[in-house]
Amino acid sequence: MRSAVVFFSLTYLVSRSFFAAAAAISDGTASQPSGL
């Protein structure tokens, strides 16, 4: 049980970090093309 909690917690934290960084780079919009 502990390993499942570790897996889901780590997956959530890491994936949300990537998604938040992507949103910050694009300013939360998908329609404005930029160099980044």
Full PDB file with SEQRES, HELIX, SHEET, SSBOND, CRYST1, ORIGX, SCALE, CONECT and MASTER records, all heavy atoms in Angstrom:
SEQRES   1 A   36  MET ARG SER ALA VAL VAL PHE PHE SER LEU THR TYR LEU          
SEQRES   2 A   36  VAL SER ARG SER PHE PHE ALA ALA ALA ALA ALA ILE SER          
SEQRES   3 A   36  ASP GLY THR ALA SER GLN PRO SER GLY LEU                      
HELIX    1 AA1 ARG A    2  ILE A   25  1                                  24    
CRYST1    1.000    1.000    1.000  90.00  90.00  90.00 P 1           1          
ORIGX1      1.000000  0.000000  0.000000        0.00000                         
ORIGX2      0.000000  1.000000  0.000000        0.00000                         
ORIGX3      0.000000  0.000000  1.000000        0.00000                         
SCALE1      1.000000  0.000000  0.000000        0.00000                         
SCALE2      0.000000  1.000000  0.000000        0.00000                         
SCALE3      0.000000  0.000000  1.000000        0.00000                         
ATOM      1  N   MET A   1       0.819  -1.199   0.000  1.00  0.00           N  
ATOM      2  CA  MET A   1       0.000   0.000   0.000  1.00  0.00           C  
ATOM      3  C   MET A   1       0.859   1.258   0.000  1.00  0.00           C  
ATOM      4  O   MET A   1       0.558   2.213  -0.689  1.00  0.00           O  
ATOM      5  CB  MET A   1      -0.928  -0.042   1.220  1.00  0.00           C  
ATOM      6  CG  MET A   1      -1.805   1.153   1.351  1.00  0.00           C  
ATOM      7  SD  MET A   1      -3.007   1.162   0.023  1.00  0.00           S  
ATOM      8  CE  MET A   1      -3.990   2.505   0.488  1.00  0.00           C  
ATOM      9  N   ARG A   2       1.936   1.211   0.769  1.00  0.00           N  
ATOM     10  CA  ARG A   2       2.802   2.379   0.863  1.00  0.00           C  
ATOM     11  C   ARG A   2       3.430   2.702  -0.490  1.00  0.00           C  
ATOM     12  O   ARG A   2       3.558   3.873  -0.853  1.00  0.00           O  
ATOM     13  CB  ARG A   2       3.896   2.141   1.901  1.00  0.00           C  
ATOM     14  CG  ARG A   2       4.801   3.335   2.078  1.00  0.00           C  
ATOM     15  CD  ARG A   2       5.841   3.090   3.173  1.00  0.00           C  
ATOM     16  NE  ARG A   2       6.631   4.253   3.406  1.00  0.00           N  
ATOM     17  CZ  ARG A   2       7.781   4.517   2.773  1.00  0.00           C  
ATOM     18  NH1 ARG A   2       8.241   3.690   1.873  1.00  0.00           N  
ATOM     19  NH2 ARG A   2       8.451   5.608   3.039  1.00  0.00           N  
ATOM     20  N   SER A   3       3.801   1.677  -1.254  1.00  0.00           N  
ATOM     21  CA  SER A   3       4.433   1.928  -2.541  1.00  0.00           C  
ATOM     22  C   SER A   3       3.457   2.575  -3.528  1.00  0.00           C  
ATOM     23  O   SER A   3       3.857   3.397  -4.347  1.00  0.00           O  
ATOM     24  CB  SER A   3       4.997   0.638  -3.128  1.00  0.00           C  
ATOM     25  OG  SER A   3       3.968  -0.316  -3.304  1.00  0.00           O  
ATOM     26  N   ALA A   4       2.177   2.233  -3.440  1.00  0.00           N  
ATOM     27  CA  ALA A   4       1.186   2.863  -4.310  1.00  0.00           C  
ATOM     28  C   ALA A   4       1.022   4.338  -3.958  1.00  0.00           C  
ATOM     29  O   ALA A   4       0.910   5.187  -4.849  1.00  0.00           O  
ATOM     30  CB  ALA A   4      -0.148   2.135  -4.202  1.00  0.00           C  
ATOM     31  N   VAL A   5       1.031   4.642  -2.679  1.00  0.00           N  
ATOM     32  CA  VAL A   5       0.908   6.035  -2.241  1.00  0.00           C  
ATOM     33  C   VAL A   5       2.124   6.835  -2.714  1.00  0.00           C  
ATOM     34  O   VAL A   5       1.985   7.966  -3.200  1.00  0.00           O  
ATOM     35  CB  VAL A   5       0.735   6.116  -0.710  1.00  0.00           C  
ATOM     36  CG1 VAL A   5       0.832   7.548  -0.223  1.00  0.00           C  
ATOM     37  CG2 VAL A   5      -0.580   5.489  -0.290  1.00  0.00           C  
ATOM     38  N   VAL A   6       3.301   6.252  -2.585  1.00  0.00           N  
ATOM     39  CA  VAL A   6       4.525   6.926  -3.049  1.00  0.00           C  
ATOM     40  C   VAL A   6       4.458   7.154  -4.552  1.00  0.00           C  
ATOM     41  O   VAL A   6       4.759   8.248  -5.041  1.00  0.00           O  
ATOM     42  CB  VAL A   6       5.782   6.102  -2.663  1.00  0.00           C  
ATOM     43  CG1 VAL A   6       7.023   6.654  -3.349  1.00  0.00           C  
ATOM     44  CG2 VAL A   6       5.966   6.075  -1.161  1.00  0.00           C  
ATOM     45  N   PHE A   7       4.044   6.137  -5.299  1.00  0.00           N  
ATOM     46  CA  PHE A   7       3.958   6.263  -6.752  1.00  0.00           C  
ATOM     47  C   PHE A   7       2.995   7.382  -7.154  1.00  0.00           C  
ATOM     48  O   PHE A   7       3.345   8.255  -7.946  1.00  0.00           O  
ATOM     49  CB  PHE A   7       3.522   4.942  -7.395  1.00  0.00           C  
ATOM     50  CG  PHE A   7       3.198   5.069  -8.855  1.00  0.00           C  
ATOM     51  CD1 PHE A   7       4.201   5.192  -9.792  1.00  0.00           C  
ATOM     52  CD2 PHE A   7       1.879   5.105  -9.280  1.00  0.00           C  
ATOM     53  CE1 PHE A   7       3.904   5.337 -11.141  1.00  0.00           C  
ATOM     54  CE2 PHE A   7       1.566   5.249 -10.623  1.00  0.00           C  
ATOM     55  CZ  PHE A   7       2.584   5.363 -11.555  1.00  0.00           C  
ATOM     56  N   PHE A   8       1.777   7.352  -6.628  1.00  0.00           N  
ATOM     57  CA  PHE A   8       0.789   8.355  -7.024  1.00  0.00           C  
ATOM     58  C   PHE A   8       1.180   9.759  -6.556  1.00  0.00           C  
ATOM     59  O   PHE A   8       0.978  10.734  -7.283  1.00  0.00           O  
ATOM     60  CB  PHE A   8      -0.599   7.975  -6.526  1.00  0.00           C  
ATOM     61  CG  PHE A   8      -1.212   6.860  -7.322  1.00  0.00           C  
ATOM     62  CD1 PHE A   8      -1.439   5.631  -6.743  1.00  0.00           C  
ATOM     63  CD2 PHE A   8      -1.551   7.034  -8.656  1.00  0.00           C  
ATOM     64  CE1 PHE A   8      -1.999   4.592  -7.484  1.00  0.00           C  
ATOM     65  CE2 PHE A   8      -2.108   6.008  -9.397  1.00  0.00           C  
ATOM     66  CZ  PHE A   8      -2.335   4.785  -8.803  1.00  0.00           C  
ATOM     67  N   SER A   9       1.746   9.877  -5.384  1.00  0.00           N  
ATOM     68  CA  SER A   9       2.173  11.186  -4.885  1.00  0.00           C  
ATOM     69  C   SER A   9       3.292  11.762  -5.731  1.00  0.00           C  
ATOM     70  O   SER A   9       3.257  12.929  -6.141  1.00  0.00           O  
ATOM     71  CB  SER A   9       2.636  11.081  -3.431  1.00  0.00           C  
ATOM     72  OG  SER A   9       1.599  10.646  -2.614  1.00  0.00           O  
ATOM     73  N   LEU A  10       4.292  10.945  -5.999  1.00  0.00           N  
ATOM     74  CA  LEU A  10       5.428  11.397  -6.805  1.00  0.00           C  
ATOM     75  C   LEU A  10       4.989  11.727  -8.233  1.00  0.00           C  
ATOM     76  O   LEU A  10       5.414  12.739  -8.805  1.00  0.00           O  
ATOM     77  CB  LEU A  10       6.521  10.324  -6.800  1.00  0.00           C  
ATOM     78  CG  LEU A  10       7.900  10.726  -7.250  1.00  0.00           C  
ATOM     79  CD1 LEU A  10       8.417  11.903  -6.438  1.00  0.00           C  
ATOM     80  CD2 LEU A  10       8.847   9.552  -7.133  1.00  0.00           C  
ATOM     81  N   THR A  11       4.138  10.888  -8.790  1.00  0.00           N  
ATOM     82  CA  THR A  11       3.636  11.145 -10.139  1.00  0.00           C  
ATOM     83  C   THR A  11       2.864  12.460 -10.193  1.00  0.00           C  
ATOM     84  O   THR A  11       3.049  13.262 -11.109  1.00  0.00           O  
ATOM     85  CB  THR A  11       2.740   9.986 -10.603  1.00  0.00           C  
ATOM     86  OG1 THR A  11       3.516   8.787 -10.647  1.00  0.00           O  
ATOM     87  CG2 THR A  11       2.168  10.249 -11.975  1.00  0.00           C  
ATOM     88  N   TYR A  12       2.008  12.679  -9.219  1.00  0.00           N  
ATOM     89  CA  TYR A  12       1.219  13.915  -9.177  1.00  0.00           C  
ATOM     90  C   TYR A  12       2.130  15.140  -9.075  1.00  0.00           C  
ATOM     91  O   TYR A  12       1.982  16.103  -9.844  1.00  0.00           O  
ATOM     92  CB  TYR A  12       0.241  13.883  -8.009  1.00  0.00           C  
ATOM     93  CG  TYR A  12      -0.605  15.119  -7.904  1.00  0.00           C  
ATOM     94  CD1 TYR A  12      -1.720  15.282  -8.716  1.00  0.00           C  
ATOM     95  CD2 TYR A  12      -0.280  16.138  -7.017  1.00  0.00           C  
ATOM     96  CE1 TYR A  12      -2.497  16.431  -8.634  1.00  0.00           C  
ATOM     97  CE2 TYR A  12      -1.050  17.277  -6.929  1.00  0.00           C  
ATOM     98  CZ  TYR A  12      -2.153  17.414  -7.737  1.00  0.00           C  
ATOM     99  OH  TYR A  12      -2.910  18.554  -7.660  1.00  0.00           O  
ATOM    100  N   LEU A  13       3.074  15.101  -8.150  1.00  0.00           N  
ATOM    101  CA  LEU A  13       3.947  16.261  -7.943  1.00  0.00           C  
ATOM    102  C   LEU A  13       4.802  16.563  -9.165  1.00  0.00           C  
ATOM    103  O   LEU A  13       4.923  17.726  -9.580  1.00  0.00           O  
ATOM    104  CB  LEU A  13       4.834  16.029  -6.724  1.00  0.00           C  
ATOM    105  CG  LEU A  13       4.125  16.041  -5.377  1.00  0.00           C  
ATOM    106  CD1 LEU A  13       5.077  15.611  -4.270  1.00  0.00           C  
ATOM    107  CD2 LEU A  13       3.570  17.419  -5.096  1.00  0.00           C  
ATOM    108  N   VAL A  14       5.400  15.542  -9.746  1.00  0.00           N  
ATOM    109  CA  VAL A  14       6.294  15.767 -10.884  1.00  0.00           C  
ATOM    110  C   VAL A  14       5.504  16.205 -12.114  1.00  0.00           C  
ATOM    111  O   VAL A  14       5.882  17.171 -12.789  1.00  0.00           O  
ATOM    112  CB  VAL A  14       7.139  14.496 -11.170  1.00  0.00           C  
ATOM    113  CG1 VAL A  14       7.947  14.653 -12.438  1.00  0.00           C  
ATOM    114  CG2 VAL A  14       8.048  14.186  -9.996  1.00  0.00           C  
ATOM    115  N   SER A  15       4.397  15.511 -12.410  1.00  0.00           N  
ATOM    116  CA  SER A  15       3.640  15.875 -13.610  1.00  0.00           C  
ATOM    117  C   SER A  15       3.033  17.275 -13.478  1.00  0.00           C  
ATOM    118  O   SER A  15       3.052  18.051 -14.435  1.00  0.00           O  
ATOM    119  CB  SER A  15       2.551  14.842 -13.902  1.00  0.00           C  
ATOM    120  OG  SER A  15       1.586  14.823 -12.884  1.00  0.00           O  
ATOM    121  N   ARG A  16       2.520  17.609 -12.315  1.00  0.00           N  
ATOM    122  CA  ARG A  16       1.960  18.949 -12.122  1.00  0.00           C  
ATOM    123  C   ARG A  16       3.031  20.028 -12.229  1.00  0.00           C  
ATOM    124  O   ARG A  16       2.754  21.134 -12.690  1.00  0.00           O  
ATOM    125  CB  ARG A  16       1.237  19.060 -10.779  1.00  0.00           C  
ATOM    126  CG  ARG A  16      -0.014  18.251 -10.721  1.00  0.00           C  
ATOM    127  CD  ARG A  16      -0.997  18.707 -11.771  1.00  0.00           C  
ATOM    128  NE  ARG A  16      -2.042  17.705 -11.930  1.00  0.00           N  
ATOM    129  CZ  ARG A  16      -2.973  17.748 -12.854  1.00  0.00           C  
ATOM    130  NH1 ARG A  16      -3.011  18.732 -13.709  1.00  0.00           N  
ATOM    131  NH2 ARG A  16      -3.859  16.787 -12.949  1.00  0.00           N  
ATOM    132  N   SER A  17       4.249  19.704 -11.826  1.00  0.00           N  
ATOM    133  CA  SER A  17       5.349  20.662 -11.975  1.00  0.00           C  
ATOM    134  C   SER A  17       5.620  20.938 -13.446  1.00  0.00           C  
ATOM    135  O   SER A  17       5.802  22.098 -13.853  1.00  0.00           O  
ATOM    136  CB  SER A  17       6.609  20.133 -11.301  1.00  0.00           C  
ATOM    137  OG  SER A  17       6.401  19.978  -9.928  1.00  0.00           O  
ATOM    138  N   PHE A  18       5.651  19.880 -14.257  1.00  0.00           N  
ATOM    139  CA  PHE A  18       5.858  20.062 -15.695  1.00  0.00           C  
ATOM    140  C   PHE A  18       4.705  20.850 -16.314  1.00  0.00           C  
ATOM    141  O   PHE A  18       4.915  21.757 -17.124  1.00  0.00           O  
ATOM    142  CB  PHE A  18       6.001  18.722 -16.413  1.00  0.00           C  
ATOM    143  CG  PHE A  18       7.332  18.049 -16.193  1.00  0.00           C  
ATOM    144  CD1 PHE A  18       7.387  16.713 -15.831  1.00  0.00           C  
ATOM    145  CD2 PHE A  18       8.518  18.732 -16.360  1.00  0.00           C  
ATOM    146  CE1 PHE A  18       8.604  16.078 -15.634  1.00  0.00           C  
ATOM    147  CE2 PHE A  18       9.743  18.118 -16.169  1.00  0.00           C  
ATOM    148  CZ  PHE A  18       9.782  16.790 -15.801  1.00  0.00           C  
ATOM    149  N   PHE A  19       3.463  20.501 -15.948  1.00  0.00           N  
ATOM    150  CA  PHE A  19       2.312  21.193 -16.512  1.00  0.00           C  
ATOM    151  C   PHE A  19       2.269  22.658 -16.082  1.00  0.00           C  
ATOM    152  O   PHE A  19       1.932  23.542 -16.877  1.00  0.00           O  
ATOM    153  CB  PHE A  19       1.010  20.497 -16.115  1.00  0.00           C  
ATOM    154  CG  PHE A  19       0.848  19.122 -16.726  1.00  0.00           C  
ATOM    155  CD1 PHE A  19       0.223  18.119 -16.015  1.00  0.00           C  
ATOM    156  CD2 PHE A  19       1.301  18.839 -18.000  1.00  0.00           C  
ATOM    157  CE1 PHE A  19       0.051  16.850 -16.565  1.00  0.00           C  
ATOM    158  CE2 PHE A  19       1.148  17.583 -18.562  1.00  0.00           C  
ATOM    159  CZ  PHE A  19       0.520  16.590 -17.847  1.00  0.00           C  
ATOM    160  N   ALA A  20       2.627  22.938 -14.842  1.00  0.00           N  
ATOM    161  CA  ALA A  20       2.649  24.327 -14.360  1.00  0.00           C  
ATOM    162  C   ALA A  20       3.725  25.133 -15.071  1.00  0.00           C  
ATOM    163  O   ALA A  20       3.500  26.302 -15.430  1.00  0.00           O  
ATOM    164  CB  ALA A  20       2.866  24.358 -12.852  1.00  0.00           C  
ATOM    165  N   ALA A  21       4.883  24.523 -15.289  1.00  0.00           N  
ATOM    166  CA  ALA A  21       5.949  25.223 -16.000  1.00  0.00           C  
ATOM    167  C   ALA A  21       5.535  25.508 -17.440  1.00  0.00           C  
ATOM    168  O   ALA A  21       5.790  26.605 -17.965  1.00  0.00           O  
ATOM    169  CB  ALA A  21       7.233  24.397 -15.975  1.00  0.00           C  
ATOM    170  N   ALA A  22       4.876  24.552 -18.084  1.00  0.00           N  
ATOM    171  CA  ALA A  22       4.404  24.768 -19.453  1.00  0.00           C  
ATOM    172  C   ALA A  22       3.363  25.875 -19.501  1.00  0.00           C  
ATOM    173  O   ALA A  22       3.370  26.713 -20.412  1.00  0.00           O  
ATOM    174  CB  ALA A  22       3.826  23.470 -20.025  1.00  0.00           C  
ATOM    175  N   ALA A  23       2.476  25.903 -18.528  1.00  0.00           N  
ATOM    176  CA  ALA A  23       1.461  26.959 -18.482  1.00  0.00           C  
ATOM    177  C   ALA A  23       2.091  28.324 -18.228  1.00  0.00           C  
ATOM    178  O   ALA A  23       1.661  29.335 -18.802  1.00  0.00           O  
ATOM    179  CB  ALA A  23       0.430  26.647 -17.400  1.00  0.00           C  
ATOM    180  N   ALA A  24       3.112  28.365 -17.375  1.00  0.00           N  
ATOM    181  CA  ALA A  24       3.783  29.632 -17.091  1.00  0.00           C  
ATOM    182  C   ALA A  24       4.507  30.154 -18.333  1.00  0.00           C  
ATOM    183  O   ALA A  24       4.502  31.366 -18.600  1.00  0.00           O  
ATOM    184  CB  ALA A  24       4.760  29.460 -15.938  1.00  0.00           C  
ATOM    185  N   ILE A  25       5.103  29.251 -19.087  1.00  0.00           N  
ATOM    186  CA  ILE A  25       5.818  29.665 -20.301  1.00  0.00           C  
ATOM    187  C   ILE A  25       4.840  30.216 -21.333  1.00  0.00           C  
ATOM    188  O   ILE A  25       5.103  31.223 -21.987  1.00  0.00           O  
ATOM    189  CB  ILE A  25       6.633  28.493 -20.885  1.00  0.00           C  
ATOM    190  CG1 ILE A  25       7.849  28.226 -19.993  1.00  0.00           C  
ATOM    191  CG2 ILE A  25       7.058  28.767 -22.314  1.00  0.00           C  
ATOM    192  CD1 ILE A  25       8.631  27.000 -20.370  1.00  0.00           C  
ATOM    193  N   SER A  26       3.702  29.555 -21.480  1.00  0.00           N  
ATOM    194  CA  SER A  26       2.741  29.989 -22.501  1.00  0.00           C  
ATOM    195  C   SER A  26       1.739  31.006 -21.967  1.00  0.00           C  
ATOM    196  O   SER A  26       0.795  31.355 -22.668  1.00  0.00           O  
ATOM    197  CB  SER A  26       1.990  28.776 -23.057  1.00  0.00           C  
ATOM    198  OG  SER A  26       1.198  28.191 -22.050  1.00  0.00           O  
ATOM    199  N   ASP A  27       1.917  31.458 -20.738  1.00  0.00           N  
ATOM    200  CA  ASP A  27       1.014  32.418 -20.093  1.00  0.00           C  
ATOM    201  C   ASP A  27      -0.418  31.895 -20.012  1.00  0.00           C  
ATOM    202  O   ASP A  27      -1.372  32.663 -20.044  1.00  0.00           O  
ATOM    203  CB  ASP A  27       1.028  33.764 -20.806  1.00  0.00           C  
ATOM    204  CG  ASP A  27       2.352  34.491 -20.638  1.00  0.00           C  
ATOM    205  OD1 ASP A  27       2.994  34.318 -19.585  1.00  0.00           O  
ATOM    206  OD2 ASP A  27       2.737  35.218 -21.572  1.00  0.00           O  
ATOM    207  N   GLY A  28      -0.560  30.578 -19.971  1.00  0.00           N  
ATOM    208  CA  GLY A  28      -1.875  29.973 -19.816  1.00  0.00           C  
ATOM    209  C   GLY A  28      -2.725  29.960 -21.066  1.00  0.00           C  
ATOM    210  O   GLY A  28      -3.875  29.566 -21.026  1.00  0.00           O  
ATOM    211  N   THR A  29      -2.168  30.382 -22.208  1.00  0.00           N  
ATOM    212  CA  THR A  29      -2.937  30.373 -23.449  1.00  0.00           C  
ATOM    213  C   THR A  29      -2.248  29.478 -24.464  1.00  0.00           C  
ATOM    214  O   THR A  29      -1.023  29.405 -24.525  1.00  0.00           O  
ATOM    215  CB  THR A  29      -3.060  31.782 -24.050  1.00  0.00           C  
ATOM    216  OG1 THR A  29      -1.754  32.258 -24.370  1.00  0.00           O  
ATOM    217  CG2 THR A  29      -3.737  32.738 -23.094  1.00  0.00           C  
ATOM    218  N   ALA A  30      -3.036  28.803 -25.261  1.00  0.00           N  
ATOM    219  CA  ALA A  30      -2.477  27.940 -26.287  1.00  0.00           C  
ATOM    220  C   ALA A  30      -2.490  28.606 -27.658  1.00  0.00           C  
ATOM    221  O   ALA A  30      -1.951  28.075 -28.612  1.00  0.00           O  
ATOM    222  CB  ALA A  30      -3.253  26.629 -26.347  1.00  0.00           C  
ATOM    223  N   SER A  31      -3.091  29.777 -27.768  1.00  0.00           N  
ATOM    224  CA  SER A  31      -3.287  30.390 -29.078  1.00  0.00           C  
ATOM    225  C   SER A  31      -2.160  31.330 -29.499  1.00  0.00           C  
ATOM    226  O   SER A  31      -2.042  31.648 -30.663  1.00  0.00           O  
ATOM    227  CB  SER A  31      -4.607  31.155 -29.100  1.00  0.00           C  
ATOM    228  OG  SER A  31      -4.571  32.189 -28.147  1.00  0.00           O  
ATOM    229  N   GLN A  32      -1.332  31.779 -28.563  1.00  0.00           N  
ATOM    230  CA  GLN A  32      -0.286  32.735 -28.907  1.00  0.00           C  
ATOM    231  C   GLN A  32       1.038  32.009 -29.159  1.00  0.00           C  
ATOM    232  O   GLN A  32       1.675  31.529 -28.228  1.00  0.00           O  
ATOM    233  CB  GLN A  32      -0.081  33.741 -27.785  1.00  0.00           C  
ATOM    234  CG  GLN A  32      -1.274  34.625 -27.543  1.00  0.00           C  
ATOM    235  CD  GLN A  32      -1.023  35.574 -26.390  1.00  0.00           C  
ATOM    236  OE1 GLN A  32      -0.035  35.475 -25.687  1.00  0.00           O  
ATOM    237  NE2 GLN A  32      -1.936  36.501 -26.200  1.00  0.00           N  
ATOM    238  N   PRO A  33       1.456  31.916 -30.406  1.00  0.00           N  
ATOM    239  CA  PRO A  33       2.743  31.281 -30.675  1.00  0.00           C  
ATOM    240  C   PRO A  33       3.887  32.181 -30.203  1.00  0.00           C  
ATOM    241  O   PRO A  33       3.836  33.395 -30.339  1.00  0.00           O  
ATOM    242  CB  PRO A  33       2.758  31.104 -32.192  1.00  0.00           C  
ATOM    243  CG  PRO A  33       1.785  32.098 -32.715  1.00  0.00           C  
ATOM    244  CD  PRO A  33       0.777  32.335 -31.624  1.00  0.00           C  
ATOM    245  N   SER A  34       4.878  31.566 -29.626  1.00  0.00           N  
ATOM    246  CA  SER A  34       6.046  32.321 -29.189  1.00  0.00           C  
ATOM    247  C   SER A  34       7.282  31.483 -29.452  1.00  0.00           C  
ATOM    248  O   SER A  34       7.200  30.331 -29.861  1.00  0.00           O  
ATOM    249  CB  SER A  34       5.946  32.671 -27.702  1.00  0.00           C  
ATOM    250  OG  SER A  34       6.078  31.499 -26.929  1.00  0.00           O  
ATOM    251  N   GLY A  35       8.423  32.043 -29.187  1.00  0.00           N  
ATOM    252  CA  GLY A  35       9.671  31.325 -29.369  1.00  0.00           C  
ATOM    253  C   GLY A  35       9.852  30.193 -28.377  1.00  0.00           C  
ATOM    254  O   GLY A  35      10.662  29.307 -28.571  1.00  0.00           O  
ATOM    255  N   LEU A  36       9.085  30.221 -27.286  1.00  0.00           N  
ATOM    256  CA  LEU A  36       9.207  29.188 -26.261  1.00  0.00           C  
ATOM    257  C   LEU A  36       8.198  28.056 -26.433  1.00  0.00           C  
ATOM    258  O   LEU A  36       8.114  27.167 -25.594  1.00  0.00           O  
ATOM    259  CB  LEU A  36       9.039  29.816 -24.878  1.00  0.00           C  
ATOM    260  CG  LEU A  36      10.092  30.856 -24.497  1.00  0.00           C  
ATOM    261  CD1 LEU A  36       9.751  31.491 -23.161  1.00  0.00           C  
ATOM    262  CD2 LEU A  36      11.468  30.223 -24.446  1.00  0.00           C  
TER     263      LEU A  36                                                      
MASTER        0    0    0    1    0    0    0    6  262    1    0    3          
END                                                                             
